[in-house]
N, C-alpha and C. Protein backbone atom coordinates (compact mmCIF):
# COMPACT_ATOMS: atom_id res chain seq x y z
N LYS A 1 0.83 -1.25 -0.09
CA LYS A 1 0.17 0.10 -0.15
C LYS A 1 0.86 1.32 0.07
N ASP A 2 0.64 2.10 -0.94
CA ASP A 2 1.16 3.40 -0.95
C ASP A 2 0.83 4.30 -0.11
N GLY A 3 2.00 5.30 0.25
CA GLY A 3 1.61 6.35 1.40
C GLY A 3 1.64 7.98 0.29
N ALA A 4 1.50 8.80 1.42
CA ALA A 4 1.53 10.20 0.88
C ALA A 4 1.73 11.42 1.81
N GLU A 5 2.56 12.21 1.63
CA GLU A 5 2.81 13.35 2.67
C GLU A 5 1.22 14.12 2.40
N GLY A 6 1.36 15.03 3.51
CA GLY A 6 0.08 15.77 3.77
C GLY A 6 -0.22 16.38 5.05
N ALA A 7 -1.17 17.23 5.05
CA ALA A 7 -1.29 17.70 6.73
C ALA A 7 -1.73 16.63 7.57
N THR A 8 -2.11 15.49 7.32
CA THR A 8 -2.46 14.28 7.86
C THR A 8 -1.74 13.22 6.99
N PRO A 9 -0.62 12.82 7.06
CA PRO A 9 0.13 11.96 5.89
C PRO A 9 -0.55 10.52 6.27
N VAL A 10 -0.56 9.83 4.84
CA VAL A 10 -1.12 8.65 4.32
C VAL A 10 -0.08 7.60 4.79
N LYS A 11 -0.32 6.65 5.57
CA LYS A 11 0.93 5.65 6.00
C LYS A 11 0.76 4.85 4.70
N GLY A 12 2.12 4.36 4.17
CA GLY A 12 2.19 3.16 3.55
C GLY A 12 2.10 1.84 4.34
N GLU A 13 2.27 0.65 3.51
CA GLU A 13 2.09 -0.54 4.38
C GLU A 13 2.72 -1.70 3.33
N PHE A 14 3.67 -2.43 4.35
CA PHE A 14 4.03 -3.65 3.69
C PHE A 14 3.14 -4.86 4.21
N THR A 15 3.33 -5.91 3.63
CA THR A 15 2.48 -6.86 4.02
C THR A 15 3.30 -8.36 4.18
N PHE A 16 3.37 -8.94 5.02
CA PHE A 16 4.30 -10.20 5.30
C PHE A 16 3.04 -11.41 5.63
N THR A 17 3.15 -12.27 4.44
CA THR A 17 2.36 -13.42 4.42
C THR A 17 3.27 -14.68 4.64
N LEU A 18 2.47 -15.69 5.39
CA LEU A 18 3.13 -17.05 5.72
C LEU A 18 2.25 -17.90 5.04
N SER A 19 2.56 -18.92 4.25
CA SER A 19 2.00 -19.91 3.68
C SER A 19 1.00 -20.61 4.89
N ASN A 20 1.50 -20.91 5.89
CA ASN A 20 0.97 -21.51 7.15
C ASN A 20 1.52 -20.70 8.35
N ALA A 21 0.58 -20.51 9.26
CA ALA A 21 0.75 -19.91 10.61
C ALA A 21 1.84 -20.84 11.27
N SER A 22 2.64 -20.12 11.77
CA SER A 22 3.75 -20.87 12.54
C SER A 22 3.30 -20.93 14.29
N SER A 23 3.81 -22.16 14.88
CA SER A 23 3.59 -22.24 16.30
C SER A 23 4.41 -21.57 17.00
N THR A 24 5.47 -20.95 16.57
CA THR A 24 6.25 -19.90 17.29
C THR A 24 6.03 -18.70 16.77
N ALA A 25 6.53 -17.42 17.53
CA ALA A 25 6.81 -16.21 16.98
C ALA A 25 8.36 -16.31 15.76
N THR A 26 8.13 -15.64 14.62
CA THR A 26 8.97 -15.84 13.92
C THR A 26 9.69 -14.57 13.19
N THR A 27 10.91 -14.17 13.30
CA THR A 27 11.55 -13.06 13.02
C THR A 27 11.99 -13.12 11.62
N VAL A 28 11.71 -12.15 10.93
CA VAL A 28 11.79 -11.94 9.35
C VAL A 28 12.72 -10.88 9.30
N ASN A 29 14.06 -11.20 8.91
CA ASN A 29 14.95 -9.99 8.77
C ASN A 29 14.99 -9.32 7.13
N PHE A 30 15.02 -8.17 6.98
CA PHE A 30 15.10 -7.39 5.91
C PHE A 30 16.06 -6.38 5.66
N THR A 31 16.26 -5.71 4.24
CA THR A 31 16.67 -4.69 4.06
C THR A 31 16.12 -3.55 3.62
N VAL A 32 16.22 -2.28 3.76
CA VAL A 32 15.47 -1.26 3.28
C VAL A 32 16.13 -0.14 2.22
N THR A 33 15.66 -0.16 1.32
CA THR A 33 16.52 0.77 0.08
C THR A 33 15.41 1.79 -0.48
N GLY A 34 15.95 2.41 -1.55
CA GLY A 34 14.80 3.43 -2.40
C GLY A 34 15.12 4.85 -2.24
N THR A 35 14.52 5.67 -2.75
CA THR A 35 15.21 7.22 -2.73
C THR A 35 14.78 8.13 -1.89
N ALA A 36 13.64 7.39 -1.04
CA ALA A 36 13.25 8.19 0.18
C ALA A 36 13.98 7.92 1.29
N THR A 37 14.28 8.88 2.46
CA THR A 37 15.56 8.89 3.20
C THR A 37 14.59 8.29 4.61
N SER A 38 15.37 7.37 5.14
CA SER A 38 14.65 7.04 6.50
C SER A 38 14.92 7.77 7.56
N GLY A 39 14.26 7.83 8.26
CA GLY A 39 14.17 9.17 9.53
C GLY A 39 14.01 10.38 8.94
N THR A 40 13.71 10.84 7.72
CA THR A 40 13.55 12.00 7.05
C THR A 40 12.09 11.98 6.51
N ASP A 41 12.02 10.71 5.58
CA ASP A 41 10.98 11.05 4.61
C ASP A 41 9.75 9.98 5.40
N TYR A 42 10.31 9.14 6.20
CA TYR A 42 9.43 8.08 6.85
C TYR A 42 10.36 7.56 8.15
N THR A 43 9.56 7.03 9.19
CA THR A 43 9.98 6.62 10.30
C THR A 43 10.68 5.58 9.83
N SER A 44 11.80 5.32 10.37
CA SER A 44 12.83 4.04 10.35
C SER A 44 12.04 2.81 10.57
N LEU A 45 12.21 1.91 9.64
CA LEU A 45 11.48 0.43 9.71
C LEU A 45 12.35 -0.58 10.27
N GLY A 46 13.42 -0.18 10.68
CA GLY A 46 14.44 -1.09 11.39
C GLY A 46 15.09 -2.09 10.46
N THR A 47 15.49 -3.36 10.96
CA THR A 47 16.07 -4.43 9.92
C THR A 47 15.18 -5.61 10.03
N SER A 48 14.34 -5.67 10.97
CA SER A 48 13.61 -7.04 11.22
C SER A 48 12.11 -6.83 11.76
N VAL A 49 11.13 -7.77 11.48
CA VAL A 49 9.73 -7.86 12.04
C VAL A 49 9.59 -9.16 12.84
N VAL A 50 8.77 -9.05 13.78
CA VAL A 50 8.52 -10.43 14.71
C VAL A 50 7.10 -10.58 14.17
N ILE A 51 6.82 -11.74 13.53
CA ILE A 51 5.52 -12.33 13.24
C ILE A 51 4.95 -13.06 14.45
N PRO A 52 3.95 -12.62 15.03
CA PRO A 52 3.58 -13.47 16.38
C PRO A 52 2.90 -14.85 16.16
N ALA A 53 3.46 -15.58 16.77
CA ALA A 53 2.68 -17.11 16.82
C ALA A 53 1.31 -17.15 16.55
N GLY A 54 0.73 -18.06 15.20
CA GLY A 54 -0.45 -18.45 14.69
C GLY A 54 -0.94 -17.12 13.80
N THR A 55 0.07 -16.39 13.47
CA THR A 55 -0.35 -15.16 12.43
C THR A 55 0.11 -15.68 11.00
N LYS A 56 -0.77 -15.57 10.23
CA LYS A 56 -0.36 -15.96 8.93
C LYS A 56 0.03 -14.45 8.00
N VAL A 57 -0.79 -13.40 8.51
CA VAL A 57 -0.76 -12.21 7.85
C VAL A 57 -0.37 -10.99 8.77
N PHE A 58 0.74 -10.35 8.50
CA PHE A 58 1.45 -9.05 9.36
C PHE A 58 1.90 -8.30 8.41
N THR A 59 1.10 -6.88 9.08
CA THR A 59 1.31 -5.64 7.98
C THR A 59 2.50 -4.87 8.82
N VAL A 60 3.20 -4.09 8.28
CA VAL A 60 3.99 -3.19 8.82
C VAL A 60 3.74 -1.59 8.29
N PRO A 61 3.52 -0.71 8.87
CA PRO A 61 3.30 0.47 8.41
C PRO A 61 4.50 1.39 8.08
N VAL A 62 4.51 2.28 7.21
CA VAL A 62 5.37 3.07 6.73
C VAL A 62 4.72 4.53 7.14
N ASP A 63 5.29 4.93 8.19
CA ASP A 63 4.79 6.12 8.87
C ASP A 63 5.43 7.37 8.07
N VAL A 64 4.86 8.06 7.07
CA VAL A 64 5.05 9.08 6.28
C VAL A 64 5.27 10.42 6.98
N GLN A 65 6.19 10.91 6.84
CA GLN A 65 6.63 12.27 7.59
C GLN A 65 6.35 13.61 6.49
N ASP A 66 5.60 14.49 6.62
CA ASP A 66 5.52 15.55 6.09
C ASP A 66 6.48 16.62 5.86
N ASP A 67 6.75 17.03 5.11
CA ASP A 67 7.86 18.27 5.04
C ASP A 67 7.60 19.34 4.01
N LEU A 68 8.59 20.32 3.74
CA LEU A 68 7.95 21.45 2.86
C LEU A 68 9.15 21.24 1.76
N ILE A 69 9.30 20.26 1.52
CA ILE A 69 10.73 20.08 0.25
C ILE A 69 9.88 19.60 -1.16
N ALA A 70 10.23 20.13 -2.15
CA ALA A 70 9.54 19.46 -3.47
C ALA A 70 10.64 18.67 -3.90
N GLU A 71 10.35 17.18 -3.66
CA GLU A 71 11.20 16.07 -4.19
C GLU A 71 10.28 15.15 -4.92
N GLY A 72 9.29 15.17 -5.54
CA GLY A 72 8.49 14.19 -6.30
C GLY A 72 8.40 12.96 -5.38
N THR A 73 7.51 11.96 -6.35
CA THR A 73 7.38 10.59 -5.56
C THR A 73 8.49 10.18 -5.14
N GLU A 74 8.82 9.55 -3.92
CA GLU A 74 9.98 8.59 -3.62
C GLU A 74 9.28 7.46 -3.23
N THR A 75 10.42 6.39 -3.12
CA THR A 75 10.13 4.85 -3.00
C THR A 75 10.86 4.36 -1.58
N VAL A 76 10.21 3.54 -1.17
CA VAL A 76 10.90 2.56 0.00
C VAL A 76 10.97 0.98 -0.59
N THR A 77 11.99 0.31 -0.77
CA THR A 77 11.75 -0.80 -1.06
C THR A 77 12.49 -1.77 0.10
N LEU A 78 11.70 -2.78 0.10
CA LEU A 78 11.84 -3.92 1.11
C LEU A 78 12.10 -5.18 0.57
N THR A 79 13.12 -5.60 1.02
CA THR A 79 13.77 -6.98 0.40
C THR A 79 13.94 -7.99 1.46
N LEU A 80 13.45 -9.01 1.29
CA LEU A 80 13.48 -10.20 2.57
C LEU A 80 14.80 -10.86 2.58
N GLY A 81 14.82 -11.35 3.73
CA GLY A 81 16.56 -11.62 4.13
C GLY A 81 15.94 -13.29 4.62
N SER A 82 16.77 -13.15 5.74
CA SER A 82 16.61 -14.85 6.36
C SER A 82 15.21 -14.80 7.47
N THR A 83 15.16 -15.95 7.98
CA THR A 83 14.12 -15.82 9.04
C THR A 83 14.73 -16.84 10.38
N SER A 84 14.06 -16.58 11.20
CA SER A 84 14.80 -17.30 12.61
C SER A 84 14.25 -18.65 12.71
N ASN A 85 13.04 -19.15 11.83
CA ASN A 85 12.62 -20.34 11.87
C ASN A 85 13.20 -21.08 10.48
N THR A 86 14.27 -21.97 10.67
CA THR A 86 14.65 -22.88 9.75
C THR A 86 13.59 -23.66 8.89
N ALA A 87 12.53 -23.89 9.42
CA ALA A 87 11.42 -24.64 8.65
C ALA A 87 10.62 -23.39 7.72
N ILE A 88 10.94 -22.06 7.72
CA ILE A 88 10.26 -21.05 6.98
C ILE A 88 11.34 -20.46 5.92
N THR A 89 11.13 -20.46 4.65
CA THR A 89 11.99 -20.19 3.74
C THR A 89 11.44 -18.82 3.23
N VAL A 90 12.42 -18.04 2.70
CA VAL A 90 11.80 -16.53 2.06
C VAL A 90 11.74 -16.77 0.66
N SER A 91 10.60 -16.22 -0.05
CA SER A 91 10.45 -16.07 -1.49
C SER A 91 9.74 -14.87 -1.95
N GLY A 92 9.67 -14.68 -2.99
CA GLY A 92 9.07 -13.47 -3.68
C GLY A 92 10.05 -12.35 -3.75
N PRO A 93 9.67 -11.47 -4.77
CA PRO A 93 10.19 -10.20 -5.13
C PRO A 93 10.57 -9.14 -3.78
N ALA A 94 11.30 -8.23 -3.96
CA ALA A 94 11.33 -7.15 -3.48
C ALA A 94 9.95 -6.22 -3.35
N ALA A 95 9.45 -5.77 -2.39
CA ALA A 95 8.12 -4.99 -2.56
C ALA A 95 8.43 -3.51 -2.35
N THR A 96 7.93 -2.56 -2.81
CA THR A 96 8.05 -1.09 -3.00
C THR A 96 6.75 -0.63 -2.40
N VAL A 97 6.90 0.64 -1.66
CA VAL A 97 6.05 1.67 -1.24
C VAL A 97 6.37 2.91 -2.06
N ASN A 98 5.49 3.33 -2.72
CA ASN A 98 5.44 5.03 -3.20
C ASN A 98 4.93 5.65 -2.26
N ILE A 99 5.90 7.18 -1.89
CA ILE A 99 5.28 8.06 -1.14
C ILE A 99 5.25 9.44 -2.02
N THR A 100 3.75 9.60 -2.14
CA THR A 100 3.59 10.86 -3.09
C THR A 100 3.96 12.22 -2.47
N ASP A 101 4.48 13.11 -2.95
CA ASP A 101 4.78 14.35 -2.51
C ASP A 101 3.77 15.20 -2.56
N ASN A 102 3.79 16.48 -1.75
CA ASN A 102 2.72 17.25 -1.79
C ASN A 102 3.14 18.73 -1.99
N ASP A 103 4.52 18.72 -2.35
CA ASP A 103 5.01 20.07 -2.15
C ASP A 103 5.12 20.61 -3.72
N ALA A 104 4.22 21.65 -4.09
CA ALA A 104 4.62 22.02 -5.65
C ALA A 104 5.57 23.41 -5.49
N VAL A 105 6.29 23.39 -6.52
CA VAL A 105 7.15 24.71 -6.74
C VAL A 105 7.03 25.21 -8.26
N THR A 106 6.96 26.40 -8.36
CA THR A 106 6.77 26.96 -9.78
C THR A 106 7.83 27.89 -9.88
N VAL A 107 8.42 28.03 -11.20
CA VAL A 107 9.25 29.07 -11.68
C VAL A 107 8.34 30.17 -12.50
N VAL A 108 8.63 31.16 -12.21
CA VAL A 108 7.68 32.35 -12.62
C VAL A 108 8.91 33.37 -13.19
N LEU A 109 8.47 34.02 -14.23
CA LEU A 109 9.33 35.06 -14.94
C LEU A 109 8.60 36.54 -14.71
N SER A 110 9.17 37.40 -14.31
CA SER A 110 8.86 38.82 -14.21
C SER A 110 9.69 39.79 -14.59
N GLY A 111 9.31 41.01 -15.00
CA GLY A 111 10.17 42.04 -15.53
C GLY A 111 8.95 43.11 -16.31
N ALA A 112 9.77 43.98 -16.91
CA ALA A 112 9.16 45.03 -17.44
C ALA A 112 8.47 44.50 -18.91
N ALA A 113 7.27 44.80 -19.11
CA ALA A 113 6.76 44.53 -20.35
C ALA A 113 6.75 45.37 -21.52
N THR A 114 7.09 46.92 -20.95
CA THR A 114 7.11 47.89 -21.98
C THR A 114 8.31 48.88 -21.32
N VAL A 115 9.16 49.28 -22.41
CA VAL A 115 10.25 50.02 -21.74
C VAL A 115 10.55 51.15 -23.20
N ASN A 116 10.95 52.11 -22.52
CA ASN A 116 11.60 53.16 -23.23
C ASN A 116 12.59 52.89 -23.95
N GLU A 117 12.93 53.64 -25.08
CA GLU A 117 14.26 52.99 -25.85
C GLU A 117 15.54 53.54 -25.14
N ASN A 118 15.04 54.82 -24.32
CA ASN A 118 16.57 55.17 -23.61
C ASN A 118 16.45 54.83 -22.06
N ALA A 119 15.58 53.41 -21.83
CA ALA A 119 15.64 52.74 -20.65
C ALA A 119 17.30 52.22 -20.25
N GLY A 120 17.91 51.88 -21.19
CA GLY A 120 19.22 51.33 -20.72
C GLY A 120 19.21 49.68 -20.73
N THR A 121 19.60 49.08 -19.57
CA THR A 121 19.31 47.69 -19.24
C THR A 121 18.19 47.42 -18.57
N VAL A 122 17.48 46.53 -19.07
CA VAL A 122 16.37 45.87 -18.52
C VAL A 122 16.48 44.35 -17.95
N THR A 123 16.30 44.41 -16.48
CA THR A 123 16.33 42.96 -16.06
C THR A 123 15.02 42.07 -15.85
N TYR A 124 15.09 40.88 -16.24
CA TYR A 124 14.27 39.79 -16.27
C TYR A 124 14.66 38.81 -15.34
N THR A 125 13.45 38.29 -14.29
CA THR A 125 13.96 37.70 -13.13
C THR A 125 13.00 36.49 -13.19
N ALA A 126 13.68 35.21 -13.18
CA ALA A 126 12.97 34.19 -12.86
C ALA A 126 13.00 33.73 -11.22
N THR A 127 11.84 33.25 -10.79
CA THR A 127 11.69 33.41 -9.28
C THR A 127 11.14 31.89 -8.68
N LEU A 128 11.70 31.22 -7.97
CA LEU A 128 10.95 30.06 -7.22
C LEU A 128 9.90 30.39 -6.55
N THR A 129 8.61 29.92 -7.03
CA THR A 129 7.54 30.34 -5.81
C THR A 129 6.97 29.12 -5.23
N GLY A 130 6.19 29.25 -4.16
CA GLY A 130 5.47 28.08 -3.78
C GLY A 130 5.11 28.20 -2.22
N ALA A 131 4.88 27.50 -1.22
CA ALA A 131 4.33 27.79 0.10
C ALA A 131 5.47 28.31 0.74
N THR A 132 5.45 28.94 1.83
CA THR A 132 6.46 29.69 2.62
C THR A 132 6.98 28.63 3.34
N GLY A 133 8.36 28.63 3.28
CA GLY A 133 9.41 27.73 3.77
C GLY A 133 9.91 26.53 3.03
N SER A 134 9.08 26.91 1.93
CA SER A 134 9.75 25.55 1.06
C SER A 134 10.80 25.67 0.20
N SER A 135 11.38 24.41 -0.15
CA SER A 135 12.49 24.34 -0.95
C SER A 135 12.62 23.21 -1.71
N ILE A 136 13.75 23.13 -2.63
CA ILE A 136 13.79 22.01 -3.67
C ILE A 136 14.78 21.09 -3.45
N GLN A 137 14.62 19.85 -3.35
CA GLN A 137 15.67 18.80 -2.88
C GLN A 137 16.71 18.83 -4.17
N ASN A 138 16.35 18.77 -5.15
CA ASN A 138 17.38 18.65 -6.34
C ASN A 138 17.40 19.85 -7.01
N ALA A 139 18.42 19.92 -7.90
CA ALA A 139 18.49 21.35 -8.96
C ALA A 139 17.26 21.28 -9.57
N VAL A 140 16.91 22.50 -10.11
CA VAL A 140 15.87 22.91 -11.08
C VAL A 140 16.53 23.90 -12.12
N SER A 141 16.31 23.50 -13.40
CA SER A 141 16.69 24.50 -14.44
C SER A 141 15.87 24.81 -15.25
N VAL A 142 16.02 26.16 -15.87
CA VAL A 142 15.30 26.48 -17.21
C VAL A 142 16.19 27.23 -18.05
N ILE A 143 15.65 27.14 -19.13
CA ILE A 143 16.30 27.61 -20.50
C ILE A 143 15.53 29.29 -20.65
N SER A 144 16.49 30.32 -20.52
CA SER A 144 16.20 31.74 -20.93
C SER A 144 16.41 31.92 -21.97
N ALA A 145 15.66 32.98 -22.78
CA ALA A 145 15.96 33.35 -23.86
C ALA A 145 15.18 34.90 -24.28
N VAL A 146 15.85 35.49 -25.11
CA VAL A 146 15.25 36.76 -25.92
C VAL A 146 14.88 36.39 -27.19
N THR A 147 13.88 36.51 -27.77
CA THR A 147 13.60 36.37 -29.18
C THR A 147 12.83 37.55 -29.94
N ALA A 148 13.55 37.97 -31.27
CA ALA A 148 13.47 39.11 -31.64
C ALA A 148 11.79 39.06 -32.33
N GLY A 149 11.31 40.23 -32.25
CA GLY A 149 9.96 40.39 -32.79
C GLY A 149 10.32 41.59 -34.09
N SER A 150 9.74 42.55 -33.76
CA SER A 150 10.05 43.56 -34.83
C SER A 150 11.28 44.11 -34.35
N ALA A 151 11.67 44.10 -33.08
CA ALA A 151 12.96 44.61 -32.56
C ALA A 151 13.88 43.60 -32.93
N VAL A 152 15.50 43.93 -33.39
CA VAL A 152 16.38 42.69 -33.60
C VAL A 152 17.38 42.93 -32.88
N SER A 153 18.08 42.28 -32.56
CA SER A 153 19.60 42.00 -32.23
C SER A 153 20.63 42.06 -33.22
N PRO A 154 21.78 42.94 -33.06
CA PRO A 154 22.08 43.81 -32.13
C PRO A 154 21.66 45.17 -32.43
N ALA A 155 20.84 45.27 -33.30
CA ALA A 155 20.49 46.84 -33.83
C ALA A 155 19.77 47.32 -32.77
N ASP A 156 18.67 46.70 -32.16
CA ASP A 156 17.88 47.29 -31.28
C ASP A 156 18.02 47.02 -29.92
N TYR A 157 18.82 46.03 -29.57
CA TYR A 157 19.00 45.25 -28.39
C TYR A 157 20.18 44.30 -28.19
N THR A 158 20.90 44.35 -26.93
CA THR A 158 21.85 43.08 -26.70
C THR A 158 20.97 42.40 -25.62
N THR A 159 21.68 40.94 -25.49
CA THR A 159 21.41 40.46 -24.18
C THR A 159 22.50 39.89 -23.65
N ALA A 160 22.33 39.48 -22.13
CA ALA A 160 23.32 38.78 -21.22
C ALA A 160 22.52 38.15 -20.15
N GLY A 161 23.26 36.94 -19.96
CA GLY A 161 22.83 35.88 -19.10
C GLY A 161 21.91 34.97 -19.48
N THR A 162 21.42 35.21 -20.80
CA THR A 162 20.58 33.93 -21.27
C THR A 162 21.23 32.69 -21.53
N GLY A 163 20.04 31.55 -21.42
CA GLY A 163 20.45 30.46 -21.56
C GLY A 163 20.16 29.67 -20.47
N THR A 164 20.81 28.56 -19.91
CA THR A 164 20.54 27.81 -18.80
C THR A 164 20.83 28.63 -17.29
N LEU A 165 19.62 28.66 -16.65
CA LEU A 165 19.37 29.25 -15.23
C LEU A 165 19.11 28.27 -14.44
N THR A 166 20.08 28.13 -13.60
CA THR A 166 20.14 26.68 -12.58
C THR A 166 19.81 27.06 -11.08
N PHE A 167 18.92 26.58 -10.47
CA PHE A 167 18.61 26.87 -9.02
C PHE A 167 19.16 25.58 -8.22
N ALA A 168 20.13 25.96 -7.68
CA ALA A 168 20.97 24.58 -6.95
C ALA A 168 20.13 23.96 -5.82
N ALA A 169 20.50 22.65 -5.77
CA ALA A 169 19.80 21.75 -4.76
C ALA A 169 19.87 22.20 -3.36
N GLY A 170 18.35 22.49 -2.76
CA GLY A 170 18.23 23.11 -1.57
C GLY A 170 17.71 24.20 -1.45
N SER A 171 17.60 24.81 -3.07
CA SER A 171 17.26 26.37 -2.94
C SER A 171 15.88 26.57 -2.30
N SER A 172 15.81 27.80 -1.52
CA SER A 172 14.43 28.07 -1.06
C SER A 172 13.46 28.76 -2.06
N VAL A 173 12.10 28.94 -1.70
CA VAL A 173 11.07 29.49 -2.56
C VAL A 173 11.42 31.04 -2.17
N GLY A 174 11.75 31.91 -3.43
CA GLY A 174 12.26 33.25 -3.04
C GLY A 174 13.47 33.46 -3.79
N SER A 175 13.99 32.43 -4.19
CA SER A 175 15.45 32.36 -4.97
C SER A 175 15.28 32.79 -6.35
N THR A 176 15.94 33.37 -6.73
CA THR A 176 15.97 34.17 -8.08
C THR A 176 17.37 34.07 -9.32
N LYS A 177 17.11 34.07 -10.42
CA LYS A 177 17.91 34.01 -11.39
C LYS A 177 17.63 35.02 -12.46
N THR A 178 18.64 35.80 -13.07
CA THR A 178 18.12 36.97 -13.56
C THR A 178 18.83 36.73 -14.97
N PHE A 179 18.31 37.48 -16.06
CA PHE A 179 19.07 37.82 -17.22
C PHE A 179 18.63 39.15 -17.82
N THR A 180 19.30 39.71 -18.70
CA THR A 180 19.17 41.32 -18.89
C THR A 180 19.20 41.49 -20.48
N VAL A 181 18.29 42.61 -20.79
CA VAL A 181 18.34 43.19 -22.35
C VAL A 181 18.76 44.37 -22.07
N THR A 182 19.88 44.89 -22.84
CA THR A 182 20.25 46.31 -23.10
C THR A 182 19.53 46.92 -24.33
N VAL A 183 18.85 47.88 -24.09
CA VAL A 183 18.10 48.51 -25.42
C VAL A 183 18.88 49.34 -25.73
N ILE A 184 19.06 49.38 -27.34
CA ILE A 184 19.90 50.60 -27.94
C ILE A 184 19.02 51.70 -28.46
N ASP A 185 19.70 52.83 -27.91
CA ASP A 185 18.99 54.05 -28.07
C ASP A 185 19.50 54.66 -29.19
N ASP A 186 18.64 54.82 -30.42
CA ASP A 186 19.02 55.14 -31.51
C ASP A 186 18.61 56.53 -31.99
N ASN A 187 18.96 57.14 -33.37
CA ASN A 187 18.42 58.34 -33.65
C ASN A 187 17.08 57.93 -35.00
N LEU A 188 16.65 56.66 -34.82
CA LEU A 188 15.83 56.39 -36.09
C LEU A 188 14.30 56.43 -35.66
N VAL A 189 13.82 57.03 -36.48
CA VAL A 189 12.24 57.09 -36.38
C VAL A 189 11.69 55.75 -37.01
N GLU A 190 11.37 54.94 -35.75
CA GLU A 190 11.03 53.39 -36.47
C GLU A 190 9.64 52.92 -35.47
N GLY A 191 8.99 53.85 -34.81
CA GLY A 191 7.78 53.45 -34.21
C GLY A 191 8.08 52.29 -32.83
N ASP A 192 7.12 52.14 -32.27
CA ASP A 192 7.07 50.94 -31.24
C ASP A 192 7.60 49.62 -31.87
N GLU A 193 8.61 48.93 -31.10
CA GLU A 193 8.81 47.43 -31.54
C GLU A 193 8.95 46.69 -30.66
N THR A 194 8.97 45.16 -30.69
CA THR A 194 9.01 44.39 -30.05
C THR A 194 9.90 43.29 -29.79
N TYR A 195 10.09 42.56 -28.76
CA TYR A 195 11.07 41.43 -28.41
C TYR A 195 10.29 40.69 -27.20
N THR A 196 10.60 39.28 -27.14
CA THR A 196 9.94 38.60 -26.26
C THR A 196 10.94 37.79 -25.28
N ALA A 197 10.77 38.16 -23.91
CA ALA A 197 11.93 37.45 -23.04
C ALA A 197 11.09 36.29 -22.48
N SER A 198 11.69 35.01 -22.14
CA SER A 198 10.82 33.91 -22.00
C SER A 198 11.85 32.81 -21.36
N ILE A 199 11.24 32.16 -20.70
CA ILE A 199 11.75 30.89 -20.10
C ILE A 199 11.14 29.65 -20.34
N GLY A 200 11.86 28.41 -20.49
CA GLY A 200 11.12 27.37 -21.07
C GLY A 200 12.20 25.96 -20.55
N SER A 201 11.65 24.93 -21.21
CA SER A 201 12.59 23.49 -21.07
C SER A 201 12.69 23.22 -19.47
N ILE A 202 12.13 23.36 -18.70
CA ILE A 202 12.17 23.07 -17.44
C ILE A 202 12.70 21.65 -16.85
N THR A 203 13.47 21.56 -16.22
CA THR A 203 13.95 20.41 -15.58
C THR A 203 14.09 20.19 -14.16
N GLY A 204 13.84 19.14 -13.59
CA GLY A 204 13.58 19.10 -11.95
C GLY A 204 12.11 19.14 -11.66
N VAL A 205 11.92 18.91 -10.15
CA VAL A 205 10.72 18.72 -9.64
C VAL A 205 10.09 20.16 -9.34
N ALA A 206 9.63 20.93 -10.58
CA ALA A 206 8.82 21.93 -10.66
C ALA A 206 8.25 22.32 -11.86
N THR A 207 7.19 23.28 -11.86
CA THR A 207 6.41 23.49 -13.10
C THR A 207 6.52 24.98 -13.50
N LEU A 208 6.51 25.43 -14.53
CA LEU A 208 6.49 26.62 -15.07
C LEU A 208 5.21 27.56 -14.95
N GLY A 209 5.39 28.62 -14.46
CA GLY A 209 4.25 29.71 -14.38
C GLY A 209 4.27 30.64 -15.19
N THR A 210 4.04 31.68 -15.15
CA THR A 210 4.44 32.93 -16.09
C THR A 210 5.70 32.53 -17.02
N SER A 211 5.71 32.51 -18.26
CA SER A 211 6.86 32.01 -18.88
C SER A 211 7.64 32.98 -19.71
N SER A 212 6.87 33.90 -20.08
CA SER A 212 7.15 34.91 -21.21
C SER A 212 6.52 36.23 -20.85
N ILE A 213 7.32 37.32 -21.49
CA ILE A 213 6.91 38.55 -21.36
C ILE A 213 7.19 39.36 -22.73
């Protein structure tokens, strides 16, 4: 049974099944792996469980711990080892509990939508947004770009800092990355002109919000 983070986390569950109940208590040893971290994402399961005498089916809960880290779905994988009863053999593949994350982080772009030709340098900012106190477990990257419209580079503007913008692992909500557009002031009568500043091609556990200006 899978688990989930939340204000009231949903417990995961592993089920141990004996083909026949034993007349004595049986210790089953196991190892735990997966992408979730014991003690942080869920309460430690230890390395063994005792199935009481006379019991065929025994469940072990995976107590999920809620956090403010955007990490995506993580796994807890349990692999059976030996038992204390030589009459009982272990069979079956490893079992996995998925822990669904409830933390959402979005990258949004902000900056001036209209500037005067003599504005000089215009800064565009990509910002991590989400619940207060949230952070990202792994790096998140977006590709920033400035696309010509009726304005063209380098006659009407130049850019700096475009390309891959990376928020490092552990970055908190409110973290920013920037790129700039320098508007070229000239003596030509040319009317209003346009370019588009944008971010896209996001990688990591995050989504895109406002992505172009």
